[in-house]
């Protein structure tokens, strides 16, 4: 399951941004898919996002992390944004939210 953050925090606003990003092959946003592992924001507004992709050969591997980074950078109060793509813990369908599983017909 994706992480949750206090309302009105930079991290919560980043979650809202992640809900506008999609893998073009899957009609569910990257947050609900469970691709966002962690969002850290320090007191200076520097944000680091740890995320993964559905597979190393994902067609948007070259563009999606940059899109996420740019969108987080544009959040009010963010000084800098950095996205790190990680493969350890490998993504699997159990990381999706209930809503994503329902939308994709997993139930």
C-alpha atoms as a PDB file:
ATOM      1  CA  UNK A   1       0.000   0.000   0.000  1.00  0.00           C
ATOM      2  CA  UNK A   2       1.240   3.520  -0.740  1.00  0.00           C
ATOM      3  CA  UNK A   3       2.399   5.634   2.208  1.00  0.00           C
ATOM      4  CA  UNK A   4       0.127   8.254   3.809  1.00  0.00           C
ATOM      5  CA  UNK A   5       1.173  11.706   5.022  1.00  0.00           C
ATOM      6  CA  UNK A   6      -0.246  14.456   7.260  1.00  0.00           C
ATOM      7  CA  UNK A   7      -2.812  16.689   5.519  1.00  0.00           C
ATOM      8  CA  UNK A   8      -1.430  19.940   4.080  1.00  0.00           C
ATOM      9  CA  UNK A   9       2.175  18.704   4.282  1.00  0.00           C
ATOM     10  CA  UNK A  10       4.507  19.001   1.301  1.00  0.00           C
ATOM     11  CA  UNK A  11       4.410  15.218   1.144  1.00  0.00           C
ATOM     12  CA  UNK A  12       0.594  15.204   0.941  1.00  0.00           C
ATOM     13  CA  UNK A  13       0.699  17.783  -1.844  1.00  0.00           C
ATOM     14  CA  UNK A  14       3.234  15.585  -3.647  1.00  0.00           C
ATOM     15  CA  UNK A  15       0.783  12.679  -3.353  1.00  0.00           C
ATOM     16  CA  UNK A  16      -1.850  14.844  -5.058  1.00  0.00           C
ATOM     17  CA  UNK A  17       0.640  15.515  -7.859  1.00  0.00           C
ATOM     18  CA  UNK A  18       1.429  11.803  -8.200  1.00  0.00           C
ATOM     19  CA  UNK A  19      -2.264  11.187  -8.729  1.00  0.00           C
ATOM     20  CA  UNK A  20      -1.955  13.159 -11.987  1.00  0.00           C
ATOM     21  CA  UNK A  21       0.802  10.896 -13.371  1.00  0.00           C
ATOM     22  CA  UNK A  22      -0.041   7.746 -15.290  1.00  0.00           C
ATOM     23  CA  UNK A  23       1.779   4.871 -16.864  1.00  0.00           C
ATOM     24  CA  UNK A  24       0.251   5.105 -20.364  1.00  0.00           C
ATOM     25  CA  UNK A  25      -0.345   1.343 -20.485  1.00  0.00           C
ATOM     26  CA  UNK A  26      -2.273   1.223 -17.186  1.00  0.00           C
ATOM     27  CA  UNK A  27      -5.287   3.501 -16.570  1.00  0.00           C
ATOM     28  CA  UNK A  28      -4.442   4.025 -12.875  1.00  0.00           C
ATOM     29  CA  UNK A  29      -2.271   6.785 -11.408  1.00  0.00           C
ATOM     30  CA  UNK A  30       1.214   5.948 -10.158  1.00  0.00           C
ATOM     31  CA  UNK A  31       0.326   6.540  -6.511  1.00  0.00           C
ATOM     32  CA  UNK A  32      -2.609   4.120  -6.524  1.00  0.00           C
ATOM     33  CA  UNK A  33      -0.449   1.629  -8.423  1.00  0.00           C
ATOM     34  CA  UNK A  34       1.971   1.645  -5.495  1.00  0.00           C
ATOM     35  CA  UNK A  35       4.916   2.964  -7.513  1.00  0.00           C
ATOM     36  CA  UNK A  36       5.691   5.675  -4.935  1.00  0.00           C
ATOM     37  CA  UNK A  37       7.625   4.135  -2.078  1.00  0.00           C
ATOM     38  CA  UNK A  38       8.532   7.205  -0.040  1.00  0.00           C
ATOM     39  CA  UNK A  39       8.395  11.000  -0.091  1.00  0.00           C
ATOM     40  CA  UNK A  40      10.755  12.948   2.165  1.00  0.00           C
ATOM     41  CA  UNK A  41      10.644  16.711   2.563  1.00  0.00           C
ATOM     42  CA  UNK A  42      13.047  18.564   4.810  1.00  0.00           C
ATOM     43  CA  UNK A  43      12.483  21.922   6.526  1.00  0.00           C
ATOM     44  CA  UNK A  44      14.176  23.748   3.628  1.00  0.00           C
ATOM     45  CA  UNK A  45      11.711  22.391   1.071  1.00  0.00           C
ATOM     46  CA  UNK A  46      14.031  19.814  -0.467  1.00  0.00           C
ATOM     47  CA  UNK A  47      11.985  16.803  -1.541  1.00  0.00           C
ATOM     48  CA  UNK A  48      13.199  13.322  -2.399  1.00  0.00           C
ATOM     49  CA  UNK A  49      10.838  10.788  -3.937  1.00  0.00           C
ATOM     50  CA  UNK A  50      11.678   7.097  -3.991  1.00  0.00           C
ATOM     51  CA  UNK A  51       9.712   5.354  -6.682  1.00  0.00           C
ATOM     52  CA  UNK A  52       9.815   2.335  -8.899  1.00  0.00           C
ATOM     53  CA  UNK A  53       8.299   1.270 -12.191  1.00  0.00           C
ATOM     54  CA  UNK A  54       6.222  -1.775 -13.003  1.00  0.00           C
ATOM     55  CA  UNK A  55       9.296  -3.319 -14.660  1.00  0.00           C
ATOM     56  CA  UNK A  56      12.825  -2.290 -15.672  1.00  0.00           C
ATOM     57  CA  UNK A  57      11.702  -2.421 -19.314  1.00  0.00           C
ATOM     58  CA  UNK A  58       8.776  -0.066 -18.721  1.00  0.00           C
ATOM     59  CA  UNK A  59       8.302   2.106 -21.846  1.00  0.00           C
ATOM     60  CA  UNK A  60       8.172   5.288 -19.729  1.00  0.00           C
ATOM     61  CA  UNK A  61      11.324   4.510 -17.727  1.00  0.00           C
ATOM     62  CA  UNK A  62      13.095   7.392 -19.446  1.00  0.00           C
ATOM     63  CA  UNK A  63      10.317   9.958 -19.048  1.00  0.00           C
ATOM     64  CA  UNK A  64       8.098   9.220 -16.040  1.00  0.00           C
ATOM     65  CA  UNK A  65      10.679   9.914 -13.292  1.00  0.00           C
ATOM     66  CA  UNK A  66      11.459  13.274 -14.909  1.00  0.00           C
ATOM     67  CA  UNK A  67       7.754  14.105 -15.138  1.00  0.00           C
ATOM     68  CA  UNK A  68       7.310  13.291 -11.447  1.00  0.00           C
ATOM     69  CA  UNK A  69      10.353  15.362 -10.498  1.00  0.00           C
ATOM     70  CA  UNK A  70       9.152  18.379 -12.508  1.00  0.00           C
ATOM     71  CA  UNK A  71       5.665  18.244 -11.033  1.00  0.00           C
ATOM     72  CA  UNK A  72       7.002  17.993  -7.470  1.00  0.00           C
ATOM     73  CA  UNK A  73       9.405  20.870  -8.171  1.00  0.00           C
ATOM     74  CA  UNK A  74       6.406  23.049  -9.051  1.00  0.00           C
ATOM     75  CA  UNK A  75       4.684  22.536  -5.673  1.00  0.00           C
ATOM     76  CA  UNK A  76       4.530  25.719  -3.620  1.00  0.00           C
ATOM     77  CA  UNK A  77       7.156  25.595  -0.894  1.00  0.00           C
ATOM     78  CA  UNK A  78       9.420  23.111  -2.676  1.00  0.00           C
ATOM     79  CA  UNK A  79      12.993  24.338  -3.035  1.00  0.00           C
ATOM     80  CA  UNK A  80      14.295  21.323  -4.951  1.00  0.00           C
ATOM     81  CA  UNK A  81      12.985  17.944  -6.031  1.00  0.00           C
ATOM     82  CA  UNK A  82      14.834  14.734  -6.741  1.00  0.00           C
ATOM     83  CA  UNK A  83      13.364  11.428  -7.886  1.00  0.00           C
ATOM     84  CA  UNK A  84      15.273   8.242  -7.304  1.00  0.00           C
ATOM     85  CA  UNK A  85      14.122   5.104  -9.112  1.00  0.00           C
ATOM     86  CA  UNK A  86      14.734   2.011  -7.010  1.00  0.00           C
ATOM     87  CA  UNK A  87      14.264  -1.671  -7.826  1.00  0.00           C
ATOM     88  CA  UNK A  88      14.621  -3.127  -4.360  1.00  0.00           C
ATOM     89  CA  UNK A  89      11.685  -3.949  -3.316  1.00  0.00           C
ATOM     90  CA  UNK A  90      10.480  -4.941  -6.768  1.00  0.00           C
ATOM     91  CA  UNK A  91       6.971  -3.766  -7.598  1.00  0.00           C
ATOM     92  CA  UNK A  92       4.190  -6.336  -7.722  1.00  0.00           C
ATOM     93  CA  UNK A  93       0.392  -6.070  -7.976  1.00  0.00           C
ATOM     94  CA  UNK A  94      -0.072  -6.517  -4.215  1.00  0.00           C
ATOM     95  CA  UNK A  95       1.319  -2.970  -3.801  1.00  0.00           C
ATOM     96  CA  UNK A  96      -1.731  -1.438  -5.478  1.00  0.00           C
ATOM     97  CA  UNK A  97      -4.495   0.134  -3.455  1.00  0.00           C
ATOM     98  CA  UNK A  98      -7.880  -1.583  -3.223  1.00  0.00           C
ATOM     99  CA  UNK A  99      -9.277   1.070  -5.587  1.00  0.00           C
ATOM    100  CA  UNK A 100      -6.608   0.330  -8.205  1.00  0.00           C
ATOM    101  CA  UNK A 101      -7.201  -3.414  -7.937  1.00  0.00           C
ATOM    102  CA  UNK A 102     -10.932  -2.867  -8.351  1.00  0.00           C
ATOM    103  CA  UNK A 103     -10.425  -0.568 -11.346  1.00  0.00           C
ATOM    104  CA  UNK A 104      -8.147  -3.130 -13.017  1.00  0.00           C
ATOM    105  CA  UNK A 105     -10.476  -6.036 -12.307  1.00  0.00           C
ATOM    106  CA  UNK A 106      -8.329  -7.831  -9.734  1.00  0.00           C
ATOM    107  CA  UNK A 107     -11.448  -8.623  -7.655  1.00  0.00           C
END
